[in-house]
Structures are given as structure tokens and as C-alpha cells.
Amino acid sequence: AQLSQWADETDYSEKYCDDIFEYRRVTIPRSMLQFLPHGRVMAEQEWRTIGVTMSRGWEHYDHHTPEANVLLFRRVLGTDPKTGTIPPEMAAKVQQRNCYIQELEQARQRMIQEQARRQEAQAADMF
């Protein structure tokens, strides 16, 4: 009964896209938050189990930090909605995008570490 009520209260945004992925926001009732994993994205079986219903190929890829009950999904453009199979010509583009995202994350981590080192050095200079 609760799952049915949550399904009725779940809101699916229109799709929007870039040159590789189509995206969709799914807003779930806040009462569902206690049943979601924290600190990671959900596998397809997990989000389907809590009542999120979409065609095949969607990936829960991130959280919307300002609003914990907004789940962010994406799938490769041209994905077969019945099988979830991505078009072969898109595989290389997806890999390039993932490498780029990984490079950005590594640069972000280096900046965070550098800021921490500077703060430690400033603190040491004060004493």
C-alpha cells in the first residue's frame, strides 16, 4: 500500500539532453528517503524496487544535493527502451565522456589537497 502511494506521488521531469546522454529528474516523496542508500547511487534493481518506473537503459548517476529527494538519471542517446542496449556508435563517445569526467574529478581532488596543504602551512606559520 505504501509503495503504491509513493508511486502516485513520484514526479518525472521531461527529458533533456546533451550530445551523449538524455537526462531526467525523478522527485520522490521525502518519506522515501529513509529507505534509500546513502553516499552512493542505486543500481537499477534498487530504484525499481522502490517504485521508480522507467523504460530500460536509465542509470541513477547522481544526487541533487540541494534536494535529497530529487534523483538524477541519464541514459545514452538512442538507447533501445525495450532492451537498454546502446547504439554501437555511441560507445566510444560515452567512454570519452567518462574519461573526461574522471580527469575533472582528479583535478578537483588535487585542488582540495592543495588547499588543505596551504591551510596546514598557514596554521603552522602562526605558531
N, C-alpha and C. Protein backbone atom coordinates (compact mmCIF):
# COMPACT_ATOMS: atom_id res chain seq x y z
N ALA A 1 0.82 -1.20 0.00
CA ALA A 1 0.00 0.00 0.00
C ALA A 1 0.87 1.26 0.00
N GLN A 2 1.92 1.26 0.85
CA GLN A 2 2.81 2.43 0.92
C GLN A 2 3.52 2.65 -0.41
N LEU A 3 3.98 1.56 -1.03
CA LEU A 3 4.70 1.66 -2.30
C LEU A 3 3.79 2.24 -3.38
N SER A 4 2.54 1.85 -3.38
CA SER A 4 1.57 2.37 -4.35
C SER A 4 1.34 3.87 -4.15
N GLN A 5 1.25 4.28 -2.89
CA GLN A 5 1.07 5.71 -2.61
C GLN A 5 2.30 6.49 -3.05
N TRP A 6 3.49 5.96 -2.77
CA TRP A 6 4.72 6.64 -3.19
C TRP A 6 4.77 6.75 -4.71
N ALA A 7 4.38 5.68 -5.41
CA ALA A 7 4.40 5.71 -6.88
C ALA A 7 3.50 6.82 -7.39
N ASP A 8 2.34 7.00 -6.76
CA ASP A 8 1.42 8.06 -7.17
C ASP A 8 1.99 9.44 -6.92
N GLU A 9 2.84 9.57 -5.90
CA GLU A 9 3.40 10.87 -5.52
C GLU A 9 4.74 11.17 -6.20
N THR A 10 5.27 10.21 -6.95
CA THR A 10 6.55 10.39 -7.63
C THR A 10 6.34 11.19 -8.91
N ASP A 11 7.23 12.17 -9.13
CA ASP A 11 7.11 13.06 -10.30
C ASP A 11 8.31 12.87 -11.21
N TYR A 12 8.04 12.71 -12.50
CA TYR A 12 9.08 12.51 -13.51
C TYR A 12 9.18 13.76 -14.38
N SER A 13 10.38 14.33 -14.47
CA SER A 13 10.55 15.52 -15.31
C SER A 13 10.49 15.14 -16.78
N GLU A 14 10.37 16.16 -17.61
CA GLU A 14 10.56 15.95 -19.04
C GLU A 14 12.02 15.59 -19.25
N LYS A 15 12.31 14.94 -20.36
CA LYS A 15 13.70 14.59 -20.68
C LYS A 15 14.39 15.82 -21.27
N TYR A 16 15.67 15.93 -21.00
CA TYR A 16 16.50 16.95 -21.62
C TYR A 16 17.81 16.27 -21.96
N CYS A 17 18.59 16.82 -22.90
CA CYS A 17 19.76 16.07 -23.35
C CYS A 17 20.91 16.97 -23.75
N ASP A 18 22.08 16.33 -23.84
CA ASP A 18 23.25 16.95 -24.43
C ASP A 18 23.61 16.09 -25.65
N ASP A 19 24.86 16.09 -26.07
CA ASP A 19 25.22 15.34 -27.28
C ASP A 19 25.45 13.85 -27.03
N ILE A 20 25.42 13.40 -25.77
CA ILE A 20 25.67 11.99 -25.47
C ILE A 20 24.53 11.35 -24.67
N PHE A 21 24.02 12.06 -23.68
CA PHE A 21 23.01 11.50 -22.79
C PHE A 21 21.70 12.25 -22.86
N GLU A 22 20.61 11.53 -22.54
CA GLU A 22 19.36 12.19 -22.20
C GLU A 22 19.24 12.05 -20.68
N TYR A 23 18.63 13.05 -20.08
CA TYR A 23 18.56 13.14 -18.62
C TYR A 23 17.12 13.27 -18.17
N ARG A 24 16.90 12.90 -16.93
CA ARG A 24 15.58 13.03 -16.32
C ARG A 24 15.74 13.13 -14.81
N ARG A 25 14.97 14.03 -14.21
CA ARG A 25 14.93 14.14 -12.74
C ARG A 25 13.69 13.40 -12.26
N VAL A 26 13.85 12.65 -11.19
CA VAL A 26 12.71 11.97 -10.58
C VAL A 26 12.60 12.47 -9.15
N THR A 27 11.48 13.10 -8.84
CA THR A 27 11.26 13.63 -7.50
C THR A 27 10.38 12.64 -6.74
N ILE A 28 10.94 12.10 -5.66
CA ILE A 28 10.23 11.11 -4.86
C ILE A 28 9.73 11.76 -3.57
N PRO A 29 8.72 11.18 -2.93
CA PRO A 29 8.27 11.72 -1.65
C PRO A 29 9.39 11.68 -0.61
N ARG A 30 9.48 12.72 0.21
CA ARG A 30 10.54 12.77 1.23
C ARG A 30 10.47 11.59 2.20
N SER A 31 9.28 11.04 2.40
CA SER A 31 9.14 9.90 3.31
C SER A 31 9.88 8.66 2.81
N MET A 32 10.27 8.65 1.54
CA MET A 32 11.02 7.51 0.99
C MET A 32 12.51 7.59 1.31
N LEU A 33 13.00 8.75 1.66
CA LEU A 33 14.44 8.95 1.83
C LEU A 33 15.08 7.96 2.80
N GLN A 34 14.37 7.59 3.84
CA GLN A 34 14.93 6.68 4.83
C GLN A 34 15.20 5.30 4.26
N PHE A 35 14.62 4.98 3.12
CA PHE A 35 14.81 3.66 2.51
C PHE A 35 15.85 3.66 1.40
N LEU A 36 16.45 4.81 1.12
CA LEU A 36 17.45 4.91 0.06
C LEU A 36 18.85 4.73 0.63
N PRO A 37 19.76 4.16 -0.18
CA PRO A 37 21.15 4.07 0.27
C PRO A 37 21.77 5.47 0.35
N HIS A 38 22.67 5.68 1.27
CA HIS A 38 23.32 6.97 1.42
C HIS A 38 24.75 6.90 0.90
N GLY A 39 25.18 7.95 0.23
CA GLY A 39 26.55 8.05 -0.23
C GLY A 39 26.87 7.30 -1.50
N ARG A 40 25.85 6.79 -2.19
CA ARG A 40 26.09 6.10 -3.45
C ARG A 40 24.83 6.14 -4.30
N VAL A 41 25.00 5.86 -5.58
CA VAL A 41 23.85 5.79 -6.47
C VAL A 41 23.26 4.38 -6.40
N MET A 42 22.03 4.25 -6.87
CA MET A 42 21.35 2.97 -6.82
C MET A 42 21.50 2.20 -8.13
N ALA A 43 21.59 0.89 -7.99
CA ALA A 43 21.53 0.01 -9.16
C ALA A 43 20.09 -0.02 -9.66
N GLU A 44 19.91 -0.43 -10.89
CA GLU A 44 18.56 -0.44 -11.47
C GLU A 44 17.57 -1.23 -10.63
N GLN A 45 17.96 -2.38 -10.16
CA GLN A 45 17.05 -3.20 -9.35
C GLN A 45 16.60 -2.45 -8.09
N GLU A 46 17.50 -1.68 -7.50
CA GLU A 46 17.16 -0.93 -6.29
C GLU A 46 16.11 0.14 -6.57
N TRP A 47 16.32 0.96 -7.62
CA TRP A 47 15.36 2.03 -7.86
C TRP A 47 14.04 1.50 -8.37
N ARG A 48 14.07 0.37 -9.07
CA ARG A 48 12.80 -0.23 -9.50
C ARG A 48 12.05 -0.79 -8.29
N THR A 49 12.78 -1.35 -7.32
CA THR A 49 12.16 -1.92 -6.12
C THR A 49 11.41 -0.87 -5.31
N ILE A 50 11.91 0.37 -5.31
CA ILE A 50 11.22 1.41 -4.54
C ILE A 50 10.11 2.09 -5.34
N GLY A 51 9.85 1.59 -6.54
CA GLY A 51 8.71 2.07 -7.29
C GLY A 51 8.99 3.06 -8.40
N VAL A 52 10.26 3.35 -8.70
CA VAL A 52 10.58 4.22 -9.82
C VAL A 52 10.41 3.39 -11.09
N THR A 53 9.60 3.87 -12.02
CA THR A 53 9.33 3.11 -13.24
C THR A 53 9.71 3.92 -14.47
N MET A 54 10.65 3.38 -15.22
CA MET A 54 11.08 3.98 -16.49
C MET A 54 11.48 2.84 -17.42
N SER A 55 11.58 3.15 -18.70
CA SER A 55 11.99 2.14 -19.67
C SER A 55 13.44 1.74 -19.41
N ARG A 56 13.92 0.76 -20.13
CA ARG A 56 15.26 0.20 -19.92
C ARG A 56 16.37 1.20 -20.31
N GLY A 57 17.52 1.02 -19.69
CA GLY A 57 18.69 1.80 -20.06
C GLY A 57 18.98 3.00 -19.19
N TRP A 58 18.07 3.36 -18.28
CA TRP A 58 18.30 4.51 -17.42
C TRP A 58 19.26 4.14 -16.30
N GLU A 59 20.10 5.09 -15.92
CA GLU A 59 21.11 4.91 -14.87
C GLU A 59 20.94 6.03 -13.83
N HIS A 60 20.84 5.64 -12.57
CA HIS A 60 20.84 6.64 -11.49
C HIS A 60 22.31 7.05 -11.35
N TYR A 61 22.64 8.28 -11.72
CA TYR A 61 24.05 8.67 -11.78
C TYR A 61 24.46 9.70 -10.74
N ASP A 62 23.51 10.34 -10.07
CA ASP A 62 23.91 11.36 -9.10
C ASP A 62 22.71 11.76 -8.25
N HIS A 63 23.02 12.55 -7.21
CA HIS A 63 22.00 13.11 -6.33
C HIS A 63 21.97 14.61 -6.55
N HIS A 64 20.82 15.19 -6.39
CA HIS A 64 20.68 16.64 -6.48
C HIS A 64 20.90 17.17 -5.06
N THR A 65 22.09 17.64 -4.79
CA THR A 65 22.50 18.00 -3.43
C THR A 65 21.52 18.92 -2.70
N PRO A 66 21.01 19.97 -3.33
CA PRO A 66 20.09 20.83 -2.57
C PRO A 66 18.79 20.14 -2.14
N GLU A 67 18.37 19.13 -2.92
CA GLU A 67 17.12 18.45 -2.61
C GLU A 67 17.36 16.94 -2.63
N ALA A 68 17.46 16.33 -1.46
CA ALA A 68 17.81 14.91 -1.36
C ALA A 68 16.78 14.00 -2.02
N ASN A 69 15.56 14.48 -2.18
CA ASN A 69 14.52 13.63 -2.76
C ASN A 69 14.42 13.74 -4.29
N VAL A 70 15.40 14.42 -4.90
CA VAL A 70 15.45 14.50 -6.36
C VAL A 70 16.59 13.60 -6.83
N LEU A 71 16.20 12.55 -7.57
CA LEU A 71 17.17 11.59 -8.09
C LEU A 71 17.47 11.94 -9.54
N LEU A 72 18.74 11.86 -9.92
CA LEU A 72 19.15 12.23 -11.27
C LEU A 72 19.46 10.97 -12.07
N PHE A 73 18.83 10.87 -13.24
CA PHE A 73 19.00 9.71 -14.11
C PHE A 73 19.49 10.16 -15.47
N ARG A 74 20.17 9.25 -16.17
CA ARG A 74 20.60 9.51 -17.54
C ARG A 74 20.62 8.19 -18.30
N ARG A 75 20.57 8.31 -19.62
CA ARG A 75 20.83 7.15 -20.48
C ARG A 75 21.39 7.66 -21.79
N VAL A 76 22.13 6.80 -22.45
CA VAL A 76 22.79 7.17 -23.70
C VAL A 76 21.73 7.43 -24.77
N LEU A 77 21.93 8.51 -25.51
CA LEU A 77 21.01 8.83 -26.61
C LEU A 77 20.90 7.64 -27.57
N GLY A 78 19.69 7.37 -28.00
CA GLY A 78 19.47 6.28 -28.95
C GLY A 78 19.36 4.91 -28.31
N THR A 79 19.38 4.85 -26.98
CA THR A 79 19.25 3.55 -26.30
C THR A 79 17.90 2.93 -26.63
N ASP A 80 17.91 1.61 -26.86
CA ASP A 80 16.66 0.89 -27.12
C ASP A 80 15.88 0.81 -25.81
N PRO A 81 14.69 1.42 -25.73
CA PRO A 81 13.95 1.47 -24.47
C PRO A 81 13.42 0.10 -24.01
N LYS A 82 13.37 -0.88 -24.91
CA LYS A 82 12.89 -2.20 -24.52
C LYS A 82 14.01 -3.08 -23.98
N THR A 83 15.23 -2.90 -24.52
CA THR A 83 16.35 -3.76 -24.12
C THR A 83 17.41 -3.04 -23.29
N GLY A 84 17.48 -1.71 -23.41
CA GLY A 84 18.53 -0.96 -22.73
C GLY A 84 19.85 -0.96 -23.47
N THR A 85 19.86 -1.50 -24.69
CA THR A 85 21.08 -1.59 -25.49
C THR A 85 21.40 -0.23 -26.10
N ILE A 86 22.67 0.19 -25.95
CA ILE A 86 23.07 1.48 -26.52
C ILE A 86 23.54 1.27 -27.96
N PRO A 87 23.39 2.29 -28.80
CA PRO A 87 23.87 2.17 -30.18
C PRO A 87 25.39 2.01 -30.20
N PRO A 88 25.90 1.11 -31.03
CA PRO A 88 27.36 0.86 -31.06
C PRO A 88 28.18 2.13 -31.30
N GLU A 89 27.68 3.04 -32.13
CA GLU A 89 28.44 4.25 -32.46
C GLU A 89 28.54 5.20 -31.26
N MET A 90 27.73 4.99 -30.24
CA MET A 90 27.77 5.87 -29.06
C MET A 90 28.74 5.38 -28.00
N ALA A 91 29.16 4.13 -28.06
CA ALA A 91 30.01 3.56 -27.02
C ALA A 91 31.32 4.34 -26.86
N ALA A 92 31.96 4.70 -27.95
CA ALA A 92 33.22 5.45 -27.87
C ALA A 92 33.00 6.83 -27.29
N LYS A 93 31.89 7.47 -27.65
CA LYS A 93 31.58 8.80 -27.11
C LYS A 93 31.36 8.73 -25.60
N VAL A 94 30.67 7.69 -25.16
CA VAL A 94 30.42 7.51 -23.73
C VAL A 94 31.75 7.31 -23.00
N GLN A 95 32.62 6.50 -23.57
CA GLN A 95 33.92 6.26 -22.93
C GLN A 95 34.74 7.55 -22.84
N GLN A 96 34.72 8.35 -23.91
CA GLN A 96 35.44 9.63 -23.89
C GLN A 96 34.88 10.55 -22.80
N ARG A 97 33.55 10.62 -22.71
CA ARG A 97 32.92 11.46 -21.69
C ARG A 97 33.30 10.97 -20.29
N ASN A 98 33.27 9.67 -20.07
CA ASN A 98 33.62 9.13 -18.75
C ASN A 98 35.07 9.43 -18.40
N CYS A 99 35.97 9.35 -19.38
CA CYS A 99 37.38 9.70 -19.14
C CYS A 99 37.51 11.18 -18.77
N TYR A 100 36.77 12.03 -19.47
CA TYR A 100 36.79 13.46 -19.19
C TYR A 100 36.29 13.74 -17.77
N ILE A 101 35.20 13.10 -17.38
CA ILE A 101 34.66 13.26 -16.03
C ILE A 101 35.68 12.80 -14.99
N GLN A 102 36.35 11.70 -15.27
CA GLN A 102 37.37 11.19 -14.34
C GLN A 102 38.53 12.18 -14.22
N GLU A 103 38.95 12.77 -15.33
CA GLU A 103 40.02 13.78 -15.30
C GLU A 103 39.60 14.99 -14.46
N LEU A 104 38.37 15.44 -14.65
CA LEU A 104 37.88 16.57 -13.87
C LEU A 104 37.86 16.25 -12.38
N GLU A 105 37.42 15.05 -12.04
CA GLU A 105 37.37 14.65 -10.63
C GLU A 105 38.77 14.58 -10.04
N GLN A 106 39.73 14.06 -10.80
CA GLN A 106 41.12 14.01 -10.31
C GLN A 106 41.66 15.42 -10.10
N ALA A 107 41.37 16.34 -11.00
CA ALA A 107 41.82 17.73 -10.84
C ALA A 107 41.16 18.35 -9.61
N ARG A 108 39.89 18.06 -9.41
CA ARG A 108 39.19 18.58 -8.23
C ARG A 108 39.82 18.06 -6.95
N GLN A 109 40.15 16.80 -6.91
CA GLN A 109 40.78 16.21 -5.72
C GLN A 109 42.16 16.83 -5.47
N ARG A 110 42.92 17.07 -6.55
CA ARG A 110 44.23 17.72 -6.39
C ARG A 110 44.08 19.12 -5.81
N MET A 111 43.07 19.87 -6.27
CA MET A 111 42.85 21.22 -5.75
C MET A 111 42.46 21.17 -4.27
N ILE A 112 41.63 20.22 -3.90
CA ILE A 112 41.23 20.08 -2.50
C ILE A 112 42.45 19.76 -1.63
N GLN A 113 43.30 18.87 -2.11
CA GLN A 113 44.52 18.52 -1.35
C GLN A 113 45.45 19.71 -1.24
N GLU A 114 45.59 20.49 -2.32
CA GLU A 114 46.46 21.67 -2.30
C GLU A 114 45.93 22.71 -1.32
N GLN A 115 44.62 22.91 -1.31
CA GLN A 115 44.02 23.85 -0.36
C GLN A 115 44.28 23.40 1.08
N ALA A 116 44.16 22.13 1.33
CA ALA A 116 44.40 21.60 2.68
C ALA A 116 45.86 21.81 3.08
N ARG A 117 46.78 21.58 2.14
CA ARG A 117 48.21 21.80 2.43
C ARG A 117 48.48 23.27 2.76
N ARG A 118 47.88 24.16 1.99
CA ARG A 118 48.07 25.59 2.25
C ARG A 118 47.54 25.99 3.62
N GLN A 119 46.37 25.47 3.96
CA GLN A 119 45.79 25.79 5.26
C GLN A 119 46.66 25.25 6.40
N GLU A 120 47.20 24.06 6.23
CA GLU A 120 48.10 23.50 7.24
C GLU A 120 49.36 24.33 7.37
N ALA A 121 49.90 24.78 6.23
CA ALA A 121 51.12 25.60 6.25
C ALA A 121 50.85 26.94 6.95
N GLN A 122 49.69 27.52 6.65
CA GLN A 122 49.33 28.80 7.31
C GLN A 122 49.18 28.61 8.81
N ALA A 123 48.55 27.52 9.20
CA ALA A 123 48.37 27.24 10.62
C ALA A 123 49.71 27.03 11.30
N ALA A 124 50.62 26.33 10.63
CA ALA A 124 51.96 26.08 11.20
C ALA A 124 52.74 27.37 11.33
N ASP A 125 52.58 28.30 10.37
CA ASP A 125 53.27 29.57 10.41
C ASP A 125 52.80 30.45 11.57
N MET A 126 51.57 30.23 12.01
CA MET A 126 51.01 31.05 13.08
C MET A 126 51.63 30.68 14.43
N PHE A 127 52.20 29.50 14.56
CA PHE A 127 52.73 29.06 15.85
C PHE A 127 54.21 29.04 15.89
